[in-house]
Each structure stands twice: as C-alpha cells, then as structure tokens.
Amino acid sequence: MYFNKSEGTSLQILLFITAVSIVSGSLTLTAFPLDGSIINIINSKASSCKVCTSNNNQRQCYNSLTLVNRTYLEFNCTKPQDFFTVEIVHQIACNLELCGLINPYIGFSDFLPFDRKFIWKIEADSQKSFQIKFANTRLNQIAPGVSCANKHTYTLRAANVLLGKFCSSGTIRSATIQSQGSFSLHLPAGQEPSSDVFLVSAVERIPTFAKISVTLQKGLLSSTLLTPNYPDSFPNAELMEWYFHIPNNYKTAIKFSIPKNPTCLKDKTYVEFRNKVTSSKDVLLRGDQPVQKQGSFSLRLKNCHMDTQRPDGLSMSLTVTAFPESQRFTSVGVLAAVNIIILIVLLVFFIVTRKKKRDLHAEESIYNPDNTNLQTRPKKPSNDESLVYSHLLQKQDGV
C-alpha cells in the first residue's frame, strides 16, 4: 500500500490481480504487478519443476523468474508450492511527512499456497530519515532460531545491517533509520497475513544509523533487545540508539550480557545514557549498569574501530526492567535484606543465651545456723526456696 501527498493525497493499492486455474494437472495464473512492484518466483530446491511463460505463442520455462509486468504463468508440476517461494517487493520513496503504508493483507491471496516474503524497500531523502510506527501491534525482538507463535516473522534492516527479527505483541513502538533500509514479513505456505498496518513517514535526520523506541508499561515492564547482526558483530565504528519510554515514578535497571568483545585498533567501545537533565558514559560495558532515575531515557552504543582480521567483535543483549520508585527488589537489595534478617536472628539468639547463663550463675544468701556469717552459693532454679529456711521455721515453732 502506498500513500503519496504529491499525487493529491490519494491512496493507491499495490495489488497483484491474479487469475488461477488448473489445466492438465498444472497450476496456471496471471499476475499483475502494479505501481513498480516486483514479484520474484524462486525455485528454492533446485528441482526439475519450472515456471513457464507464454508470449506470442512461444513458451519458455525457467528455474526462477522476476515479474514487472502482467504475465501469464504456468508451472509444469502439480505442486509447485513444494519447490517455489514467492517474494513480493515494494519500493517506497520517503520524501514527504507521510510517505507510505505497509499492509500485506491487501491482495496476494492467490499466492497463499506458497511460502511468501513481503519486502518493503524504503529510502529517505538525503536530509531526512524514515520511521516505521508499530502503534497497534508493537514488536518483540527474538533471538536467532526462535519462532513466532502466529508464524508472522518480521525482519528490519538498516542498509545492509540486520537490526533484528521480531514477532508481534511486544514493547517496540517504532524504528527510525538514517537513510535507507527495508522491512519484511515472512509467511509460511498456507498462512494468512494479518490485518496489521504500519505507517511510514519522513522525520528529521538522526545522528545514529538506527534508533529503536521501546515503551515499558504496566503488564510489559521488561524487554530484552539484541545488538545489530547478533550473534555476529555490531557494525564497525558505528553508533546506535535505543530510546525507552518509562512510566512516571519508575526507575530502570539495565543488565548487559556480552558474549563477544572486539579487539580495538582505535577509540573504545562505550555506552552512553541520556535523559532530559544528565548524560553519562561507561567504557567498561559491565554486566549490571547503574540504575536510571525516574523518567524516559536513551541508551547509545558506540563501537570502536575494530581489528576486522580477528574473528571476535561486539555482540551483546540488553535487558531493561522498570520498577516503581518505592520498590527495591534488585538482587543487591534482596541480598542486603537477607543479611539484615540473619544479623537480627543472631543478635536475638545471643541475648537469650546470655540471659540464661546469667540466671544460672546468679548467687543468693543462705542462713547458716552454726555461724553468724552469711554464705552464698550459685542459685539452682530447681530448688524450692521454702526449703532453704525450713530449719529456721522449725526452731521458731519450738520456742
């Protein structure tokens, strides 16, 4: 789907109109790529199944085929979906404030039996950047090898840099890319596309090659993100930004997991935190980062000039968790609380034990009938005190 204000703010649909029929056991269709879109039909398994075209009564067959015009197609096997994948490529020139809509739901239904990839290649004006908003769905970044529950896998690139793969229902609200990039959706055979629509617009040029905006809110107060090209290296000498929208009266804990560090020839890698008031840099890239104070903030990661002849590089994940101002349930806080409880228990035990010992060694006066002096002896809790003076009572009775 494409929206262009320069053409009277009219909405045009990139629609492939197809006609499908079964002729002599083979699948045939007519495809109409419109508005400069391209269809790539690719034999992904190098099989003998081919896609054929007919032009002026001449039939030609191919392993793979790129379509830019209306074309009549026929596959010379009964189940071409077992061998072919389909790429549907759109071009968006993002020179205006509102320059495009991403909507795979429109059209393409006749390619449903095929494994499909929808690709939107986007290029901004040299003085601008472009932004994709995931307002309704919001995306969740996934690690390599992880599958999305609904089978809708999104991929985002800045030029040739892989920013990541994503599923729907997450914390990522938008992505801004400096000049050119692409956004794609992969659907396996038979999987219907969703009705999600993403807005593409031109924005002010950003100083980093990409910026990912994340919203942490009640119900989703934690997010794990991966560096570009993960698990391979972050781009050499590049700078990227993540911006975190945090609820009021919340603080943020950040933890890095760093499986790879680069060998630097020049400069150093560093992470920089910025909010409305302050900024700070850390060149150590430690696991636990300083807790961020109340409010939204940005995190910028800068790579050094690496020794590209070495196999290592900069690669890491970052987990960001927001918690209320009054809450202190960090790992350090929990450990401190446990230590305090242990000290209190030991102190109570010491006081009770000391008191018992003092009671056992306490002395009392005893009357001695043969000596006018008083004697003392340790008190025994089991003695009945009336027995100590029984002889005196008997003496008084005899008077």
Protein backbone atom coordinates (compact mmCIF):
# COMPACT_ATOMS: atom_id res chain seq x y z
CA MET A 1 0.00 0.00 0.00
CA TYR A 2 1.37 3.41 -0.94
CA PHE A 3 0.32 6.91 0.06
CA ASN A 4 1.74 9.98 -1.67
CA LYS A 5 0.69 13.57 -0.92
CA SER A 6 2.31 14.79 -4.15
CA GLU A 7 -0.40 12.99 -6.07
CA GLY A 8 -3.31 14.80 -4.48
CA THR A 9 -3.10 12.83 -1.20
CA SER A 10 -4.52 9.81 -2.96
CA LEU A 11 -4.29 6.24 -1.72
CA GLN A 12 -3.01 3.62 -4.16
CA ILE A 13 -3.00 -0.10 -3.57
CA LEU A 14 -0.11 -2.28 -4.64
CA LEU A 15 -2.38 -5.10 -5.70
CA PHE A 16 -1.48 -8.21 -7.58
CA ILE A 17 -4.59 -9.28 -9.51
CA THR A 18 -4.32 -12.93 -10.28
CA ALA A 19 -6.40 -15.49 -12.06
CA VAL A 20 -5.84 -19.11 -11.14
CA SER A 21 -6.94 -22.28 -12.83
CA ILE A 22 -5.91 -25.91 -13.14
CA VAL A 23 -5.07 -27.03 -16.66
CA SER A 24 -4.00 -30.62 -17.35
CA GLY A 25 -2.95 -31.09 -13.73
CA SER A 26 -0.65 -28.00 -13.63
CA LEU A 27 -1.17 -24.70 -11.86
CA THR A 28 -1.63 -21.60 -14.04
CA LEU A 29 -2.13 -17.96 -13.09
CA THR A 30 -1.90 -14.46 -14.46
CA ALA A 31 -0.08 -11.92 -12.28
CA PHE A 32 -0.31 -8.13 -12.48
CA PRO A 33 2.45 -6.35 -10.52
CA LEU A 34 1.36 -2.71 -10.25
CA ASP A 35 2.99 0.60 -9.27
CA GLY A 36 6.56 -0.55 -9.83
CA SER A 37 6.31 -3.59 -7.57
CA ILE A 38 8.19 -6.76 -8.38
CA ILE A 39 7.37 -10.46 -7.98
CA ASN A 40 10.27 -12.90 -7.65
CA ILE A 41 9.35 -16.56 -8.12
CA ILE A 42 12.31 -18.61 -6.92
CA ASN A 43 12.96 -22.33 -7.17
CA SER A 44 14.36 -22.85 -3.70
CA LYS A 45 15.12 -26.57 -4.01
CA ALA A 46 16.75 -26.73 -7.47
CA SER A 47 14.13 -29.22 -8.62
CA SER A 48 13.02 -30.06 -12.14
CA CYS A 49 9.79 -28.15 -11.58
CA LYS A 50 9.82 -24.95 -13.63
CA VAL A 51 7.73 -21.82 -14.07
CA CYS A 52 6.80 -21.10 -17.68
CA THR A 53 5.57 -18.04 -19.59
CA SER A 54 3.80 -17.76 -22.90
CA ASN A 55 4.45 -14.80 -25.19
CA ASN A 56 3.30 -14.66 -28.82
CA ASN A 57 2.59 -18.38 -28.65
CA GLN A 58 6.16 -19.03 -27.54
CA ARG A 59 6.56 -20.93 -24.27
CA GLN A 60 9.69 -20.52 -22.15
CA CYS A 61 10.41 -22.20 -18.83
CA TYR A 62 12.71 -21.04 -16.00
CA ASN A 63 14.03 -22.18 -12.66
CA SER A 64 13.32 -18.68 -11.27
CA LEU A 65 11.54 -15.67 -12.67
CA THR A 66 11.19 -11.93 -11.96
CA LEU A 67 7.95 -10.23 -12.98
CA VAL A 68 7.49 -6.50 -13.51
CA ASN A 69 4.60 -6.62 -16.00
CA ARG A 70 1.42 -8.59 -16.48
CA THR A 71 2.47 -12.17 -17.15
CA TYR A 72 0.69 -15.45 -17.78
CA LEU A 73 2.33 -18.21 -15.74
CA GLU A 74 2.17 -21.97 -15.78
CA PHE A 75 4.05 -24.45 -13.59
CA ASN A 76 4.98 -27.77 -15.18
CA CYS A 77 4.38 -29.74 -11.97
CA THR A 78 1.30 -30.40 -9.89
CA LYS A 79 2.55 -28.95 -6.58
CA PRO A 80 4.85 -26.02 -7.34
CA GLN A 81 4.44 -24.74 -3.78
CA ASP A 82 6.69 -27.60 -2.69
CA PHE A 83 9.57 -26.16 -4.72
CA PHE A 84 8.99 -22.41 -5.21
CA THR A 85 8.95 -19.43 -2.88
CA VAL A 86 7.50 -16.04 -3.75
CA GLU A 87 8.97 -12.62 -2.94
CA ILE A 88 6.74 -9.56 -3.34
CA VAL A 89 8.88 -6.42 -3.32
CA HIS A 90 7.61 -2.85 -2.93
CA GLN A 91 9.57 0.37 -3.29
CA ILE A 92 8.75 3.38 -1.07
CA ALA A 93 10.42 6.74 -1.69
CA CYS A 94 10.06 8.53 1.64
CA ASN A 95 10.41 12.23 0.86
CA LEU A 96 7.22 13.53 2.48
CA GLU A 97 5.95 13.59 6.05
CA LEU A 98 3.60 10.68 5.33
CA CYS A 99 5.04 8.54 2.60
CA GLY A 100 3.65 5.01 2.85
CA LEU A 101 1.59 2.31 4.49
CA ILE A 102 2.77 -1.25 4.99
CA ASN A 103 -0.14 -3.65 4.61
CA PRO A 104 0.44 -7.21 3.37
CA TYR A 105 -3.23 -8.11 3.78
CA ILE A 106 -4.26 -6.39 0.55
CA GLY A 107 -4.12 -8.77 -2.43
CA PHE A 108 -1.79 -11.71 -3.00
CA SER A 109 -4.37 -14.25 -1.84
CA ASP A 110 -3.68 -16.49 -4.84
CA PHE A 111 -0.11 -16.93 -3.66
CA LEU A 112 -1.43 -18.39 -0.40
CA PRO A 113 -0.19 -21.96 -1.14
CA PHE A 114 3.39 -20.63 -1.48
CA ASP A 115 5.96 -19.70 1.13
CA ARG A 116 5.97 -15.88 0.82
CA LYS A 117 8.10 -12.94 1.81
CA PHE A 118 6.76 -9.39 1.58
CA ILE A 119 9.56 -6.83 1.36
CA TRP A 120 9.25 -3.05 1.58
CA LYS A 121 12.42 -1.25 0.47
CA ILE A 122 12.38 2.28 1.83
CA GLU A 123 14.66 5.20 1.01
CA ALA A 124 14.53 8.64 2.62
CA ASP A 125 15.64 11.96 1.23
CA SER A 126 19.33 12.71 1.86
CA GLN A 127 18.38 15.26 4.54
CA LYS A 128 15.80 13.04 6.22
CA SER A 129 15.38 9.70 7.98
CA PHE A 130 12.36 7.45 7.77
CA GLN A 131 10.34 5.99 10.62
CA ILE A 132 8.08 2.93 10.82
CA LYS A 133 5.48 3.00 13.59
CA PHE A 134 4.18 -0.24 15.08
CA ALA A 135 1.49 1.57 17.03
CA ASN A 136 -1.16 -1.13 17.36
CA THR A 137 0.89 -4.32 17.28
CA ARG A 138 4.23 -3.33 18.80
CA LEU A 139 7.01 -5.78 18.15
CA ASN A 140 9.09 -8.12 20.28
CA GLN A 141 12.67 -8.89 19.24
CA ILE A 142 13.56 -12.58 19.10
CA ALA A 143 16.86 -14.45 19.18
CA PRO A 144 18.07 -16.45 16.17
CA GLY A 145 16.26 -19.77 15.87
CA VAL A 146 13.17 -18.62 17.81
CA SER A 147 9.79 -18.87 16.05
CA CYS A 148 6.79 -16.59 16.42
CA ALA A 149 3.62 -18.16 17.80
CA ASN A 150 1.44 -16.81 14.96
CA LYS A 151 4.08 -17.63 12.28
CA HIS A 152 4.41 -13.93 11.33
CA THR A 153 8.15 -13.13 11.40
CA TYR A 154 9.26 -9.55 10.71
CA THR A 155 12.79 -8.51 9.71
CA LEU A 156 14.21 -5.00 9.89
CA ARG A 157 17.37 -3.78 8.17
CA ALA A 158 19.28 -0.50 8.01
CA ALA A 159 21.04 -0.62 4.64
CA ASN A 160 22.84 -3.99 4.85
CA VAL A 161 22.80 -4.19 8.65
CA LEU A 162 20.38 -6.66 10.23
CA LEU A 163 18.67 -4.80 13.06
CA GLY A 164 16.81 -7.91 14.10
CA LYS A 165 13.90 -10.30 13.72
CA PHE A 166 10.63 -9.67 15.51
CA CYS A 167 7.25 -11.10 16.47
CA SER A 168 4.08 -9.14 17.19
CA SER A 169 2.89 -8.18 20.70
CA GLY A 170 5.91 -6.62 22.37
CA THR A 171 7.39 -3.35 23.61
CA ILE A 172 8.94 -1.88 20.43
CA ARG A 173 6.79 1.01 19.22
CA SER A 174 8.85 2.37 16.28
CA ALA A 175 12.09 2.15 14.34
CA THR A 176 13.89 5.10 12.74
CA ILE A 177 16.58 4.54 10.10
CA GLN A 178 19.00 7.14 8.85
CA SER A 179 18.77 6.83 5.07
CA GLN A 180 17.70 3.55 3.53
CA GLY A 181 16.60 0.16 4.74
CA SER A 182 13.93 -2.49 4.48
CA PHE A 183 11.12 -4.09 6.42
CA SER A 184 9.87 -7.56 5.56
CA LEU A 185 7.32 -10.13 6.63
CA HIS A 186 7.79 -13.86 6.15
CA LEU A 187 4.73 -16.11 5.95
CA PRO A 188 4.94 -19.89 5.55
CA ALA A 189 2.79 -21.66 2.97
CA GLY A 190 -0.91 -21.52 3.77
CA GLN A 191 -0.52 -18.81 6.42
CA GLU A 192 -2.92 -15.86 6.06
CA PRO A 193 -1.40 -12.40 6.59
CA SER A 194 -2.76 -10.34 9.47
CA SER A 195 -4.56 -7.05 9.06
CA ASP A 196 -1.78 -5.09 10.81
CA VAL A 197 -0.94 -1.80 9.09
CA PHE A 198 2.31 0.08 9.75
CA LEU A 199 2.79 3.77 9.00
CA VAL A 200 5.95 5.02 7.25
CA SER A 201 6.88 8.70 7.49
CA ALA A 202 9.81 11.03 6.90
CA VAL A 203 11.36 12.56 10.04
CA GLU A 204 14.35 14.71 10.94
CA ARG A 205 17.67 13.08 10.16
CA ILE A 206 19.01 11.16 13.18
CA PRO A 207 22.73 11.17 14.17
CA THR A 208 22.84 7.37 14.60
CA PHE A 209 22.40 4.81 11.85
CA ALA A 210 19.26 3.49 13.60
CA LYS A 211 17.05 4.22 16.60
CA ILE A 212 14.64 1.75 18.24
CA SER A 213 11.92 3.17 20.53
CA VAL A 214 10.66 0.95 23.34
CA THR A 215 7.70 1.54 25.67
CA LEU A 216 7.69 -0.14 29.08
CA GLN A 217 4.26 -0.02 30.70
CA LYS A 218 2.21 -1.95 33.24
CA GLY A 219 1.97 -5.53 32.08
CA LEU A 220 5.16 -5.24 29.99
CA LEU A 221 7.79 -3.73 32.28
CA SER A 222 10.75 -5.67 30.91
CA SER A 223 12.29 -6.00 27.46
CA THR A 224 15.31 -7.87 26.10
CA LEU A 225 16.97 -6.45 22.98
CA LEU A 226 19.86 -7.62 20.80
CA THR A 227 22.59 -5.67 19.09
CA PRO A 228 22.51 -5.46 15.26
CA ASN A 229 23.77 -8.55 13.40
CA TYR A 230 23.51 -10.61 16.63
CA PRO A 231 25.18 -13.03 17.29
CA ASP A 232 27.66 -11.59 14.78
CA SER A 233 29.41 -8.29 15.39
CA PHE A 234 27.88 -4.86 15.77
CA PRO A 235 28.93 -2.66 12.78
CA ASN A 236 32.46 -1.31 12.90
CA ALA A 237 32.83 2.22 14.41
CA GLU A 238 29.05 2.75 14.30
CA LEU A 239 26.63 4.36 16.76
CA MET A 240 23.10 3.16 17.53
CA GLU A 241 20.39 4.34 19.93
CA TRP A 242 17.56 2.75 21.90
CA TYR A 243 15.02 5.10 23.47
CA PHE A 244 12.97 3.90 26.46
CA HIS A 245 9.61 5.39 27.40
CA ILE A 246 9.23 4.78 31.15
CA PRO A 247 6.13 5.39 33.36
CA ASN A 248 6.28 8.27 35.84
CA ASN A 249 7.73 7.42 39.26
CA TYR A 250 9.52 4.38 37.85
CA LYS A 251 13.23 3.62 37.80
CA THR A 252 15.04 1.33 35.38
CA ALA A 253 17.57 -1.48 35.90
CA ILE A 254 19.76 -2.48 32.94
CA LYS A 255 21.80 -5.64 32.51
CA PHE A 256 24.16 -6.47 29.63
CA SER A 257 25.05 -9.97 28.53
CA ILE A 258 28.24 -9.69 26.48
CA PRO A 259 29.38 -12.88 24.75
CA LYS A 260 31.79 -11.00 22.45
CA ASN A 261 34.10 -8.02 22.82
CA PRO A 262 36.05 -6.51 19.92
CA THR A 263 39.79 -6.02 19.53
CA CYS A 264 40.01 -2.24 19.10
CA LEU A 265 42.58 -0.57 16.86
CA LYS A 266 41.29 2.93 17.58
CA ASP A 267 38.93 4.51 20.14
CA LYS A 268 36.94 2.43 22.62
CA THR A 269 33.52 0.90 22.77
CA TYR A 270 31.19 2.70 25.17
CA VAL A 271 27.58 3.02 26.24
CA GLU A 272 26.03 6.42 26.93
CA PHE A 273 22.88 7.15 28.94
CA ARG A 274 20.94 10.36 28.37
CA ASN A 275 17.81 11.86 29.90
CA LYS A 276 16.40 15.38 29.96
CA VAL A 277 18.88 16.51 32.61
CA THR A 278 22.10 14.47 32.54
CA SER A 279 24.24 12.16 30.45
CA SER A 280 26.93 9.63 31.40
CA LYS A 281 29.35 7.31 29.59
CA ASP A 282 30.67 3.89 30.56
CA VAL A 283 33.57 2.37 28.63
CA LEU A 284 33.64 -0.86 30.63
CA LEU A 285 30.40 -2.38 29.27
CA ARG A 286 29.81 -4.16 32.57
CA GLY A 287 27.01 -6.64 33.14
CA ASP A 288 24.97 -4.53 35.58
CA GLN A 289 24.62 -0.89 34.63
CA PRO A 290 23.78 1.98 37.01
CA VAL A 291 20.06 2.23 37.84
CA GLN A 292 18.44 5.00 35.82
CA LYS A 293 16.48 7.60 37.74
CA GLN A 294 12.85 8.46 37.10
CA GLY A 295 11.72 9.16 33.56
CA SER A 296 12.43 8.19 29.98
CA PHE A 297 15.99 7.95 28.72
CA SER A 298 18.11 6.92 25.76
CA LEU A 299 20.91 4.37 25.56
CA ARG A 300 23.56 4.82 22.86
CA LEU A 301 26.09 2.14 21.97
CA LYS A 302 29.28 3.09 20.12
CA ASN A 303 31.66 0.54 18.66
CA CYS A 304 35.38 1.18 18.27
CA HIS A 305 37.42 0.82 15.08
CA MET A 306 37.86 -2.94 15.26
CA ASP A 307 40.58 -5.21 14.03
CA THR A 308 38.42 -6.81 11.34
CA GLN A 309 41.05 -9.50 10.70
CA ARG A 310 40.18 -11.09 14.03
CA PRO A 311 37.09 -13.30 14.45
CA ASP A 312 35.76 -11.54 17.53
CA GLY A 313 33.56 -8.44 17.58
CA LEU A 314 31.00 -6.56 19.65
CA SER A 315 27.87 -8.61 20.36
CA MET A 316 25.51 -8.47 23.32
CA SER A 317 21.95 -8.48 24.60
CA LEU A 318 20.50 -5.88 26.94
CA THR A 319 17.63 -6.46 29.37
CA VAL A 320 15.84 -3.37 30.63
CA THR A 321 13.38 -3.61 33.56
CA ALA A 322 11.29 -0.79 35.03
CA PHE A 323 10.17 -0.87 38.67
CA PRO A 324 8.29 1.56 40.96
CA GLU A 325 10.31 4.18 42.84
CA SER A 326 9.41 2.58 46.21
CA GLN A 327 10.39 -0.92 45.11
CA ARG A 328 13.88 -2.15 45.98
CA PHE A 329 13.78 -5.71 44.72
CA THR A 330 17.08 -5.63 42.93
CA SER A 331 19.49 -8.52 43.52
CA VAL A 332 21.65 -6.28 45.74
CA GLY A 333 18.63 -5.16 47.75
CA VAL A 334 17.43 -8.71 48.32
CA LEU A 335 20.89 -9.80 49.49
CA ALA A 336 21.11 -6.85 51.88
CA ALA A 337 17.68 -7.67 53.32
CA VAL A 338 18.66 -11.31 53.88
CA ASN A 339 21.87 -10.25 55.64
CA ILE A 340 19.95 -7.92 57.96
CA ILE A 341 17.49 -10.69 58.89
CA ILE A 342 20.38 -13.06 59.66
CA LEU A 343 22.05 -10.43 61.90
CA ILE A 344 18.79 -9.85 63.78
CA VAL A 345 18.33 -13.59 64.39
CA LEU A 346 21.93 -13.95 65.63
CA LEU A 347 21.55 -10.93 67.92
CA VAL A 348 18.34 -12.30 69.48
CA PHE A 349 19.98 -15.71 69.96
CA PHE A 350 22.99 -14.09 71.66
CA ILE A 351 20.80 -12.06 74.05
CA VAL A 352 18.66 -15.05 75.05
CA THR A 353 21.70 -17.30 75.57
CA ARG A 354 23.46 -14.70 77.70
CA LYS A 355 20.41 -14.18 79.86
CA LYS A 356 20.12 -17.91 80.55
CA LYS A 357 23.77 -18.09 81.56
CA ARG A 358 23.37 -15.11 83.88
CA ASP A 359 20.37 -16.73 85.57
CA LEU A 360 22.29 -19.98 86.11
CA HIS A 361 25.20 -18.19 87.83
CA ALA A 362 23.20 -15.74 89.94
CA GLU A 363 24.01 -16.03 93.75
CA GLU A 364 21.63 -15.89 96.77
CA SER A 365 22.12 -15.59 100.59
CA ILE A 366 21.70 -18.77 102.75
CA TYR A 367 21.25 -18.78 106.57
CA ASN A 368 23.90 -20.81 108.47
CA PRO A 369 22.67 -21.90 111.94
CA ASP A 370 26.18 -22.72 113.18
CA ASN A 371 27.76 -19.49 112.07
CA THR A 372 26.60 -15.96 112.28
CA ASN A 373 28.19 -15.20 108.88
CA LEU A 374 26.11 -15.41 105.72
CA GLN A 375 27.25 -17.72 102.96
CA THR A 376 26.44 -17.64 99.23
CA ARG A 377 26.12 -20.32 96.62
CA PRO A 378 25.01 -20.46 93.00
CA LYS A 379 21.29 -20.41 92.58
CA LYS A 380 19.73 -23.60 91.27
CA PRO A 381 16.44 -22.99 89.55
CA SER A 382 15.17 -26.45 90.54
CA ASN A 383 15.38 -25.77 94.35
CA ASP A 384 12.29 -24.77 96.28
CA GLU A 385 13.25 -21.61 98.23
CA SER A 386 10.96 -22.51 101.18
CA LEU A 387 13.21 -25.50 101.95
CA VAL A 388 16.24 -23.27 102.48
CA TYR A 389 14.71 -21.70 105.57
CA SER A 390 12.70 -24.70 106.86
CA HIS A 391 15.01 -25.32 109.82
CA LEU A 392 14.52 -21.74 110.97
CA LEU A 393 10.78 -22.11 110.90
CA GLN A 394 11.01 -25.32 112.95
CA LYS A 395 13.20 -23.56 115.55
CA GLN A 396 10.67 -20.79 115.95
CA ASP A 397 7.88 -23.30 116.47
CA GLY A 398 9.81 -24.88 119.37
CA VAL A 399 10.16 -21.61 121.30
